[in-house]
Protein backbone atom coordinates (compact mmCIF):
# COMPACT_ATOMS: atom_id res chain seq x y z
CA MET A 1 0.59 19.86 -8.99
CA LEU A 2 -1.32 18.71 -5.92
CA HIS A 3 0.64 16.84 -3.25
CA PHE A 4 -0.84 14.06 -1.14
CA GLU A 5 2.21 11.74 -1.07
CA SER A 6 3.04 12.23 2.61
CA ASP A 7 2.76 14.62 5.54
CA TYR A 8 6.35 15.88 5.37
CA MET A 9 6.45 17.34 1.86
CA ALA A 10 6.59 20.97 3.03
CA GLY A 11 9.04 22.54 5.47
CA ALA A 12 7.85 23.74 8.87
CA HIS A 13 4.53 25.18 10.00
CA PRO A 14 4.78 29.00 9.80
CA GLU A 15 4.50 29.40 13.59
CA VAL A 16 7.37 26.95 14.09
CA LEU A 17 9.45 28.57 11.37
CA GLN A 18 8.86 32.02 12.85
CA ARG A 19 10.31 30.90 16.19
CA LEU A 20 13.34 29.45 14.42
CA ILE A 21 13.86 32.77 12.64
CA GLU A 22 13.42 34.80 15.82
CA THR A 23 16.03 32.75 17.67
CA ASN A 24 18.36 32.13 14.73
CA LEU A 25 21.17 34.50 15.71
CA GLU A 26 21.22 33.55 19.38
CA GLN A 27 24.10 31.48 20.67
CA THR A 28 23.33 28.76 23.18
CA VAL A 29 25.03 25.67 24.54
CA GLY A 30 24.61 22.53 22.44
CA TYR A 31 23.14 19.05 22.69
CA GLY A 32 19.83 20.16 24.17
CA ALA A 33 21.22 21.77 27.32
CA ASP A 34 19.73 25.18 26.41
CA GLU A 35 16.80 27.05 27.92
CA TYR A 36 14.49 26.53 24.92
CA THR A 37 14.84 22.77 25.16
CA ALA A 38 14.27 22.94 28.91
CA ARG A 39 11.00 24.84 28.33
CA ALA A 40 9.96 22.37 25.63
CA ARG A 41 10.52 19.50 28.07
CA ALA A 42 8.45 21.27 30.72
CA LEU A 43 5.58 21.91 28.28
CA ILE A 44 5.55 18.28 27.15
CA ARG A 45 5.61 16.98 30.74
CA GLU A 46 2.70 19.27 31.56
CA ALA A 47 0.72 18.17 28.49
CA CYS A 48 1.33 14.51 29.40
CA GLY A 49 0.53 14.96 33.08
CA ALA A 50 3.86 13.28 33.77
CA PRO A 51 6.05 15.63 35.83
CA GLU A 52 8.73 12.97 36.43
CA ALA A 53 9.03 11.83 32.81
CA ARG A 54 12.29 12.23 30.96
CA VAL A 55 12.06 13.88 27.55
CA HIS A 56 14.71 13.37 24.90
CA PHE A 57 14.80 14.99 21.46
CA LEU A 58 16.03 13.02 18.44
CA VAL A 59 16.17 13.92 14.77
CA GLY A 60 14.09 11.35 12.86
CA GLY A 61 11.61 8.51 13.30
CA THR A 62 13.72 5.54 12.22
CA GLN A 63 16.62 6.78 14.35
CA THR A 64 14.24 7.09 17.27
CA ASN A 65 12.79 3.60 16.93
CA ALA A 66 16.21 2.00 16.44
CA THR A 67 17.76 3.85 19.39
CA VAL A 68 14.90 3.26 21.82
CA ILE A 69 14.48 -0.41 20.96
CA ASP A 70 18.23 -1.07 21.12
CA GLY A 71 18.32 0.61 24.53
CA LEU A 72 15.40 -1.37 25.95
CA LEU A 73 16.29 -4.88 24.83
CA ALA A 74 18.85 -7.30 26.19
CA ARG A 75 21.11 -9.00 23.66
CA HIS A 76 18.91 -12.12 23.47
CA GLU A 77 15.59 -10.27 23.16
CA GLY A 78 13.41 -9.16 20.26
CA VAL A 79 10.52 -6.74 19.84
CA LEU A 80 6.91 -7.80 19.32
CA ALA A 81 5.14 -5.83 16.58
CA ALA A 82 2.33 -6.14 14.06
CA GLU A 83 3.39 -7.77 10.81
CA SER A 84 2.36 -4.47 9.17
CA GLY A 85 4.26 -2.36 11.73
CA HIS A 86 6.64 0.30 10.51
CA ILE A 87 9.66 -1.41 12.09
CA SER A 88 8.60 -4.65 10.39
CA VAL A 89 8.11 -3.24 6.89
CA HIS A 90 9.42 0.24 6.16
CA GLU A 91 12.61 0.76 8.17
CA ALA A 92 14.97 -1.27 5.97
CA GLY A 93 15.84 -3.69 8.76
CA ALA A 94 17.07 -0.95 11.11
CA ILE A 95 16.05 -2.98 14.16
CA GLU A 96 17.70 -6.16 12.92
CA ALA A 97 20.82 -4.13 12.07
CA SER A 98 21.15 -3.32 15.79
CA GLY A 99 21.14 -7.03 16.62
CA HIS A 100 17.49 -7.49 17.57
CA LYS A 101 14.76 -9.46 15.83
CA VAL A 102 11.28 -8.14 15.04
CA LEU A 103 8.82 -10.80 16.27
CA THR A 104 5.68 -10.31 14.20
CA LEU A 105 2.10 -10.71 15.34
CA PRO A 106 -1.12 -10.86 13.27
CA GLN A 107 -2.41 -7.40 12.32
CA HIS A 108 -6.04 -6.36 12.33
CA GLU A 109 -6.30 -3.18 10.25
CA GLY A 110 -2.81 -2.38 11.51
CA LYS A 111 -3.50 -3.14 15.16
CA VAL A 112 -2.37 -5.96 17.43
CA ARG A 113 -4.72 -7.56 19.90
CA ALA A 114 -3.96 -8.07 23.57
CA GLU A 115 -4.91 -11.74 23.40
CA ASP A 116 -2.40 -12.34 20.59
CA VAL A 117 0.37 -10.68 22.60
CA ALA A 118 -0.49 -12.75 25.68
CA ARG A 119 -0.67 -15.96 23.66
CA TYR A 120 2.73 -15.35 22.04
CA ILE A 121 4.41 -14.75 25.40
CA ASP A 122 2.67 -17.70 27.07
CA ASP A 123 3.51 -20.07 24.21
CA PHE A 124 7.12 -18.91 24.21
CA TYR A 125 7.74 -19.75 27.88
CA ARG A 126 5.75 -23.00 27.69
CA ASP A 127 8.25 -24.27 25.11
CA GLU A 128 10.99 -26.17 26.96
CA THR A 129 13.54 -25.01 24.36
CA TYR A 130 12.81 -21.28 24.80
CA GLU A 131 16.40 -20.57 25.89
CA HIS A 132 17.41 -21.34 22.29
CA MET A 133 15.03 -18.72 20.89
CA VAL A 134 14.72 -14.92 20.75
CA ALA A 135 12.72 -13.81 23.80
CA PRO A 136 9.89 -11.26 23.53
CA GLY A 137 11.40 -8.32 25.38
CA MET A 138 8.96 -5.50 24.57
CA LEU A 139 5.88 -4.56 22.56
CA TYR A 140 5.92 -1.93 19.79
CA ILE A 141 2.72 -0.38 18.46
CA SER A 142 1.96 2.68 16.34
CA PHE A 143 -0.71 5.26 17.18
CA PRO A 144 -2.17 5.82 14.69
CA THR A 145 -1.27 2.64 12.86
CA GLU A 146 0.31 2.43 9.42
CA TYR A 147 -3.25 2.13 8.07
CA GLY A 148 -4.39 5.30 9.83
CA THR A 149 -6.50 3.36 12.30
CA LEU A 150 -6.77 4.03 16.02
CA TYR A 151 -6.60 1.95 19.15
CA SER A 152 -9.47 2.64 21.50
CA LEU A 153 -8.74 3.47 25.12
CA ALA A 154 -9.99 0.01 26.12
CA GLU A 155 -7.62 -1.65 23.62
CA LEU A 156 -4.63 0.34 24.89
CA GLU A 157 -5.52 -0.49 28.50
CA ALA A 158 -5.69 -4.20 27.63
CA LEU A 159 -2.30 -4.10 25.89
CA SER A 160 -0.77 -2.22 28.81
CA GLN A 161 -2.11 -4.80 31.28
CA VAL A 162 -0.67 -7.70 29.24
CA CYS A 163 2.74 -6.01 29.02
CA HIS A 164 2.90 -5.16 32.70
CA LYS A 165 1.83 -8.69 33.69
CA ALA A 166 4.63 -10.08 31.49
CA LYS A 167 7.05 -7.42 32.78
CA ILE A 168 7.90 -6.11 29.32
CA PRO A 169 7.69 -2.43 28.30
CA LEU A 170 5.00 -1.02 26.02
CA TYR A 171 6.47 1.42 23.48
CA ILE A 172 4.27 3.57 21.24
CA ASP A 173 5.50 5.02 17.94
CA GLY A 174 3.80 8.41 17.70
CA ALA A 175 5.20 9.62 14.38
CA ARG A 176 1.67 10.82 13.49
CA LEU A 177 0.41 11.12 17.06
CA GLY A 178 -1.03 14.59 16.45
CA TYR A 179 -3.30 13.25 13.73
CA ALA A 180 -4.55 10.47 16.02
CA LEU A 181 -5.34 12.80 18.91
CA GLY A 182 -7.07 15.21 16.50
CA ALA A 183 -9.23 12.54 14.88
CA GLU A 184 -12.99 12.51 15.24
CA GLY A 185 -14.05 9.78 17.66
CA CYS A 186 -10.63 9.30 19.28
CA ASP A 187 -11.22 8.52 22.96
CA VAL A 188 -7.52 8.53 23.88
CA THR A 189 -5.70 11.56 25.25
CA LEU A 190 -2.01 12.33 25.54
CA ARG A 191 -2.33 11.79 29.28
CA ASP A 192 -3.81 8.35 28.67
CA ILE A 193 -0.82 7.43 26.52
CA ALA A 194 1.60 8.68 29.16
CA ARG A 195 -0.26 6.66 31.80
CA LEU A 196 -0.43 3.40 29.84
CA ALA A 197 2.87 3.32 27.92
CA ASP A 198 6.29 2.96 29.49
CA LEU A 199 7.63 5.25 26.80
CA PHE A 200 6.48 6.75 23.53
CA TYR A 201 7.47 9.44 21.12
CA ILE A 202 5.68 12.53 19.93
CA GLY A 203 6.31 12.96 16.23
CA GLY A 204 7.32 16.39 15.00
CA THR A 205 8.65 15.68 11.50
CA LYS A 206 5.19 14.70 10.18
CA VAL A 207 3.24 17.13 12.37
CA GLY A 208 4.55 20.59 11.62
CA ALA A 209 8.22 20.54 12.60
CA LEU A 210 11.08 20.94 10.17
CA PHE A 211 12.47 17.78 11.77
CA GLY A 212 12.53 16.13 15.17
CA GLU A 213 10.83 13.68 17.52
CA ALA A 214 10.33 13.87 21.29
CA VAL A 215 10.81 10.65 23.25
CA VAL A 216 8.84 10.65 26.51
CA VAL A 217 10.05 8.06 29.04
CA THR A 218 7.45 7.70 31.77
CA ASN A 219 9.41 4.83 33.36
CA PRO A 220 12.91 6.35 33.51
CA SER A 221 14.47 3.25 35.05
CA LEU A 222 14.16 1.54 31.65
CA LEU A 223 16.69 3.84 29.96
CA PRO A 224 19.14 5.02 32.64
CA HIS A 225 21.91 5.95 30.18
CA PHE A 226 19.98 7.04 27.10
CA PHE A 227 22.04 10.12 26.19
CA PRO A 228 25.23 8.24 25.15
CA LEU A 229 23.10 5.66 23.32
CA VAL A 230 21.49 8.46 21.29
CA LYS A 231 24.97 9.63 20.34
CA GLN A 232 26.09 6.12 19.42
CA HIS A 233 23.17 5.89 17.02
CA GLY A 234 24.01 9.18 15.34
CA ALA A 235 20.75 10.70 16.54
CA LEU A 236 22.15 13.47 18.75
CA LEU A 237 21.93 16.95 17.23
CA ALA A 238 24.77 19.27 18.23
CA LYS A 239 22.52 22.28 17.60
CA GLY A 240 19.96 20.77 19.93
CA ARG A 241 18.30 24.13 20.46
CA LEU A 242 16.71 23.76 17.03
CA LEU A 243 14.70 20.82 18.33
CA GLY A 244 13.79 22.57 21.56
CA VAL A 245 12.60 25.72 19.80
CA GLN A 246 10.36 23.72 17.48
CA PHE A 247 8.72 21.65 20.21
CA GLU A 248 8.30 24.71 22.40
CA ALA A 249 6.33 26.24 19.52
CA LEU A 250 4.33 23.07 18.85
CA PHE A 251 3.27 22.83 22.50
CA SER A 252 2.39 26.51 22.87
CA ASP A 253 -1.06 27.96 22.16
CA GLY A 254 -2.47 24.54 21.22
CA LEU A 255 -0.57 24.40 17.92
CA TYR A 256 0.00 20.64 17.96
CA GLU A 257 -3.72 20.02 18.53
CA ARG A 258 -4.74 22.55 15.86
CA ILE A 259 -2.49 20.90 13.28
CA GLY A 260 -3.96 17.48 14.02
CA ARG A 261 -7.59 18.60 13.87
CA LYS A 262 -7.13 20.49 10.62
CA ALA A 263 -5.42 17.70 8.72
CA THR A 264 -7.84 15.00 9.85
CA SER A 265 -10.91 17.10 9.06
CA LEU A 266 -9.61 17.67 5.52
CA ALA A 267 -8.83 13.96 5.17
CA LEU A 268 -12.41 13.07 6.09
CA ARG A 269 -13.70 15.58 3.55
CA LEU A 270 -11.51 13.90 0.95
CA LYS A 271 -12.79 10.47 2.01
CA GLU A 272 -16.42 11.56 1.79
CA GLY A 273 -15.79 12.96 -1.69
CA PHE A 274 -14.20 9.74 -2.96
CA GLU A 275 -17.01 7.62 -1.55
CA ARG A 276 -19.69 9.95 -2.95
CA LEU A 277 -18.18 9.38 -6.38
CA GLY A 278 -18.41 5.62 -5.92
CA TYR A 279 -14.83 4.73 -4.92
CA ARG A 280 -14.30 2.34 -2.03
CA SER A 281 -12.17 3.00 1.03
CA VAL A 282 -9.92 0.04 1.77
CA VAL A 283 -9.64 0.90 5.47
CA ASP A 284 -11.98 2.94 7.64
CA SER A 285 -9.34 5.46 8.70
CA PRO A 286 -10.39 8.52 10.75
CA THR A 287 -6.93 10.12 10.49
CA ASN A 288 -4.89 11.92 7.85
CA GLN A 289 -4.06 8.79 5.81
CA GLN A 290 -6.80 7.60 3.45
CA PHE A 291 -6.67 4.44 1.35
CA PHE A 292 -8.78 3.77 -1.75
CA LEU A 293 -9.15 1.04 -4.33
CA LEU A 294 -9.07 2.81 -7.71
CA PRO A 295 -9.26 1.50 -11.28
CA ASN A 296 -5.85 1.80 -12.91
CA GLU A 297 -7.23 4.13 -15.57
CA VAL A 298 -8.28 6.54 -12.81
CA VAL A 299 -4.84 6.25 -11.16
CA ASP A 300 -3.14 6.99 -14.50
CA ARG A 301 -5.44 9.96 -15.16
CA LEU A 302 -4.75 11.52 -11.74
CA LYS A 303 -0.99 10.92 -11.62
CA PRO A 304 0.08 13.83 -13.89
CA HIS A 305 -1.86 16.26 -11.68
CA ALA A 306 -1.73 14.88 -8.14
CA GLY A 307 0.95 13.14 -6.13
CA PHE A 308 -0.07 10.07 -4.10
CA GLU A 309 1.37 6.61 -3.45
CA TYR A 310 0.59 3.05 -4.38
CA TRP A 311 0.05 1.00 -1.22
CA GLY A 312 1.57 -2.25 -2.34
CA PRO A 313 2.14 -3.41 -5.93
CA ARG A 314 0.03 -2.11 -8.80
CA GLY A 315 -2.83 -4.46 -9.56
CA GLU A 316 -3.83 -5.79 -12.96
CA ARG A 317 -7.04 -3.72 -13.15
CA GLU A 318 -7.22 -1.72 -9.93
CA SER A 319 -4.78 -0.68 -7.24
CA THR A 320 -4.79 0.40 -3.61
CA VAL A 321 -3.49 3.95 -3.26
CA ARG A 322 -2.86 6.26 -0.31
CA PHE A 323 -3.61 9.99 0.00
CA VAL A 324 -2.17 11.90 2.97
CA THR A 325 -3.14 15.33 4.30
CA SER A 326 -1.02 17.55 6.55
CA TRP A 327 -0.86 20.97 8.19
CA ASN A 328 -0.04 22.33 4.73
CA THR A 329 -3.14 20.91 2.98
CA THR A 330 -5.85 23.44 2.12
CA ASP A 331 -9.57 23.30 1.37
CA ASN A 332 -8.70 24.32 -2.19
CA ASP A 333 -6.41 21.29 -2.51
CA ILE A 334 -9.27 18.96 -1.60
CA THR A 335 -11.67 20.73 -3.95
CA ALA A 336 -9.20 20.55 -6.83
CA LEU A 337 -8.51 16.86 -6.27
CA LEU A 338 -12.20 15.96 -6.19
CA GLN A 339 -12.78 17.98 -9.35
CA LEU A 340 -10.02 15.99 -11.07
CA LEU A 341 -11.65 12.80 -9.87
CA GLU A 342 -15.01 13.81 -11.32
CA GLN A 343 -13.55 14.31 -14.79
CA LYS A 344 -13.98 11.45 -17.25
């Protein structure tokens, strides 16, 4: 069985797992106060070019988004996000459960535009009854987006300028950040993200770690008491060393970059193969998520042999489906999938 359902089907990248094995019998203090976590923080700060940034390690993506957003917003504020954004669609109302509303914006292949953000904020404060409404207190975006698309550097700079003018923080969900930075044609670096965003997270769960995300706060004044908030949200790992060891490995010897480049190059090979066989890409994604419109008979023929996901409801004659590559995907996996696709 071939697996293209998601990028967290397998455990940890062998280099990450090896470090966990090597340090397994050591005993260290808990909650991320150990030397491995300290080194991981230092490596991330260096990679971001942000020596004063605070780095916090949490367990999972939804926990991270819910904890960060709850910490940033006042009681009367909500979070601006694309209508297709992960917090809007696939987090089971985690943000609303913390008492904050997701304020949706139009999406353009998963992205929000700076002019739409500016218009929403301007229109909100021009309404004389705005005190009766949920105020836009921050902007959430994903990089890459839920459709695998990328913001250009110019687009991120424009969003950052709008947020700073409105005095609201820009927060970037980097669950698949490694696959964005490793994509062909990406003109954004980790240092650009650290410069333009007030805070963001570096995803580990989907990019080679067994579990874990690293929140990088480049404007520490926004979250002065984040540690107890992490604990309140159930996102604080007692064996915090396990997170530190993994991120130390990911940010040593270029592993995070290698994982991203490998998965995206295989995804583009998969995309080229589908298109060569006459199947249409729904979105022009340069990252590890690829979306195709397939006849239902092709979907049904592939399903017993390859795992992938419907993207939305099944259509009457054809359906949009998603294939995802990861650090664990091989050239042989792509070859085998394309051979299955060629069969009639």
